[in-house]
Amino acid sequence: MPDLEVIVDNIPECENIHTDFRLFLTSMPASYFPVSILQNGIKITTEPPRGLKANLKRSWESISDEFLNGCTKPNVFHKLTWGLTFFHAIV
């Protein structure tokens, strides 16, 4: 984590950084996470729904039929999407 802190602190000083560069980090609450990174960034928090059913429902509410059927193999894509959302709900 100290190496990450040094890297993030030196980003503004780099000369060849693209203007559209963004760094996204995700973390569980941890005492060892560098405070300077938290202080210098924008924080977004979400609380996952409690329970497998609620978590799956939340994921599937954001997925439209147009999205699922908008590929060349909708049946396979639907199964893949279901597996991914189920895995995400469990983890």
C-alpha atoms as a PDB file:
ATOM      1  CA  MET A   1       0.000   0.000   0.000  1.00  0.00           C
ATOM      2  CA  PRO A   2       2.845   2.475   0.568  1.00  0.00           C
ATOM      3  CA  ASP A   3       3.919   1.964  -3.068  1.00  0.00           C
ATOM      4  CA  LEU A   4       0.374   2.738  -4.236  1.00  0.00           C
ATOM      5  CA  GLU A   5       0.373   5.903  -2.165  1.00  0.00           C
ATOM      6  CA  VAL A   6       3.631   7.110  -3.748  1.00  0.00           C
ATOM      7  CA  ILE A   7       2.371   6.355  -7.270  1.00  0.00           C
ATOM      8  CA  VAL A   8      -0.937   8.158  -6.750  1.00  0.00           C
ATOM      9  CA  ASP A   9       0.759  11.141  -5.105  1.00  0.00           C
ATOM     10  CA  ASN A  10       3.128  11.515  -8.094  1.00  0.00           C
ATOM     11  CA  ILE A  11       0.430  11.388 -10.806  1.00  0.00           C
ATOM     12  CA  PRO A  12      -0.162  15.185 -10.907  1.00  0.00           C
ATOM     13  CA  GLU A  13       3.572  15.784 -11.444  1.00  0.00           C
ATOM     14  CA  CYS A  14       3.832  13.509 -14.502  1.00  0.00           C
ATOM     15  CA  GLU A  15       4.191  15.379 -17.776  1.00  0.00           C
ATOM     16  CA  ASN A  16       2.844  12.801 -20.220  1.00  0.00           C
ATOM     17  CA  ILE A  17      -0.536  12.051 -18.588  1.00  0.00           C
ATOM     18  CA  HIS A  18      -3.518  12.243 -20.964  1.00  0.00           C
ATOM     19  CA  THR A  19      -6.123  14.843 -20.013  1.00  0.00           C
ATOM     20  CA  ASP A  20      -8.848  12.169 -19.964  1.00  0.00           C
ATOM     21  CA  PHE A  21      -6.910   9.917 -17.561  1.00  0.00           C
ATOM     22  CA  ARG A  22      -8.939   8.692 -14.594  1.00  0.00           C
ATOM     23  CA  LEU A  23      -7.935   6.247 -11.868  1.00  0.00           C
ATOM     24  CA  PHE A  24     -10.679   4.131 -10.326  1.00  0.00           C
ATOM     25  CA  LEU A  25      -9.932   2.198  -7.155  1.00  0.00           C
ATOM     26  CA  THR A  26     -12.232  -0.070  -5.204  1.00  0.00           C
ATOM     27  CA  SER A  27     -11.712  -1.195  -1.654  1.00  0.00           C
ATOM     28  CA  MET A  28     -13.439  -2.588   1.359  1.00  0.00           C
ATOM     29  CA  PRO A  29     -13.048  -0.461   4.485  1.00  0.00           C
ATOM     30  CA  ALA A  30      -9.526  -1.107   5.736  1.00  0.00           C
ATOM     31  CA  SER A  31      -7.306   0.626   8.261  1.00  0.00           C
ATOM     32  CA  TYR A  32      -4.208   0.084   6.094  1.00  0.00           C
ATOM     33  CA  PHE A  33      -5.618   1.944   3.058  1.00  0.00           C
ATOM     34  CA  PRO A  34      -3.598   5.181   2.642  1.00  0.00           C
ATOM     35  CA  VAL A  35      -5.488   8.168   4.034  1.00  0.00           C
ATOM     36  CA  SER A  36      -3.949  10.574   1.497  1.00  0.00           C
ATOM     37  CA  ILE A  37      -5.584   8.685  -1.383  1.00  0.00           C
ATOM     38  CA  LEU A  38      -8.968   8.946   0.324  1.00  0.00           C
ATOM     39  CA  GLN A  39      -8.490  12.645   1.053  1.00  0.00           C
ATOM     40  CA  ASN A  40      -7.477  13.513  -2.527  1.00  0.00           C
ATOM     41  CA  GLY A  41     -10.155  11.518  -4.326  1.00  0.00           C
ATOM     42  CA  ILE A  42     -13.868  11.490  -4.894  1.00  0.00           C
ATOM     43  CA  LYS A  43     -15.565   8.813  -2.847  1.00  0.00           C
ATOM     44  CA  ILE A  44     -18.633   6.903  -3.947  1.00  0.00           C
ATOM     45  CA  THR A  45     -20.155   4.303  -1.681  1.00  0.00           C
ATOM     46  CA  THR A  46     -22.909   1.819  -2.307  1.00  0.00           C
ATOM     47  CA  GLU A  47     -24.476  -0.633   0.051  1.00  0.00           C
ATOM     48  CA  PRO A  48     -25.351  -3.911  -1.622  1.00  0.00           C
ATOM     49  CA  PRO A  49     -28.826  -5.258  -0.940  1.00  0.00           C
ATOM     50  CA  ARG A  50     -29.029  -7.890   1.771  1.00  0.00           C
ATOM     51  CA  GLY A  51     -29.606 -11.371   0.484  1.00  0.00           C
ATOM     52  CA  LEU A  52     -29.112 -13.227  -2.767  1.00  0.00           C
ATOM     53  CA  LYS A  53     -32.607 -12.569  -4.141  1.00  0.00           C
ATOM     54  CA  ALA A  54     -32.432  -8.817  -3.491  1.00  0.00           C
ATOM     55  CA  ASN A  55     -28.965  -8.594  -5.001  1.00  0.00           C
ATOM     56  CA  LEU A  56     -30.034 -10.448  -8.170  1.00  0.00           C
ATOM     57  CA  LYS A  57     -33.152  -8.298  -8.463  1.00  0.00           C
ATOM     58  CA  ARG A  58     -31.101  -5.119  -8.218  1.00  0.00           C
ATOM     59  CA  SER A  59     -28.721  -6.322 -10.946  1.00  0.00           C
ATOM     60  CA  TRP A  60     -31.479  -7.416 -13.331  1.00  0.00           C
ATOM     61  CA  GLU A  61     -33.450  -4.167 -12.932  1.00  0.00           C
ATOM     62  CA  SER A  62     -30.664  -2.337 -14.757  1.00  0.00           C
ATOM     63  CA  ILE A  63     -30.532  -4.817 -17.667  1.00  0.00           C
ATOM     64  CA  SER A  64     -33.016  -4.275 -20.491  1.00  0.00           C
ATOM     65  CA  ASP A  65     -34.395  -6.799 -22.982  1.00  0.00           C
ATOM     66  CA  GLU A  66     -32.914  -4.625 -25.737  1.00  0.00           C
ATOM     67  CA  PHE A  67     -29.466  -5.090 -24.191  1.00  0.00           C
ATOM     68  CA  LEU A  68     -29.881  -8.868 -23.853  1.00  0.00           C
ATOM     69  CA  ASN A  69     -31.234  -9.348 -27.382  1.00  0.00           C
ATOM     70  CA  GLY A  70     -28.919  -6.816 -29.046  1.00  0.00           C
ATOM     71  CA  CYS A  71     -26.179  -9.297 -29.908  1.00  0.00           C
ATOM     72  CA  THR A  72     -25.774 -12.011 -32.521  1.00  0.00           C
ATOM     73  CA  LYS A  73     -26.299 -14.853 -29.997  1.00  0.00           C
ATOM     74  CA  PRO A  74     -28.899 -13.605 -27.505  1.00  0.00           C
ATOM     75  CA  ASN A  75     -29.557 -17.015 -25.946  1.00  0.00           C
ATOM     76  CA  VAL A  76     -25.890 -17.555 -25.086  1.00  0.00           C
ATOM     77  CA  PHE A  77     -25.468 -13.927 -23.984  1.00  0.00           C
ATOM     78  CA  HIS A  78     -28.517 -14.211 -21.693  1.00  0.00           C
ATOM     79  CA  LYS A  79     -27.004 -17.274 -19.972  1.00  0.00           C
ATOM     80  CA  LEU A  80     -23.619 -15.574 -19.663  1.00  0.00           C
ATOM     81  CA  THR A  81     -25.224 -12.471 -18.159  1.00  0.00           C
ATOM     82  CA  TRP A  82     -27.225 -14.579 -15.721  1.00  0.00           C
ATOM     83  CA  GLY A  83     -24.070 -16.418 -14.617  1.00  0.00           C
ATOM     84  CA  LEU A  84     -22.170 -13.172 -14.151  1.00  0.00           C
ATOM     85  CA  THR A  85     -24.936 -11.520 -12.104  1.00  0.00           C
ATOM     86  CA  PHE A  86     -25.351 -14.661  -9.991  1.00  0.00           C
ATOM     87  CA  PHE A  87     -21.595 -14.803  -9.340  1.00  0.00           C
ATOM     88  CA  HIS A  88     -21.599 -11.090  -8.473  1.00  0.00           C
ATOM     89  CA  ALA A  89     -24.521 -11.571  -6.076  1.00  0.00           C
ATOM     90  CA  ILE A  90     -22.735 -14.374  -4.246  1.00  0.00           C
ATOM     91  CA  VAL A  91     -19.390 -12.627  -3.977  1.00  0.00           C
END
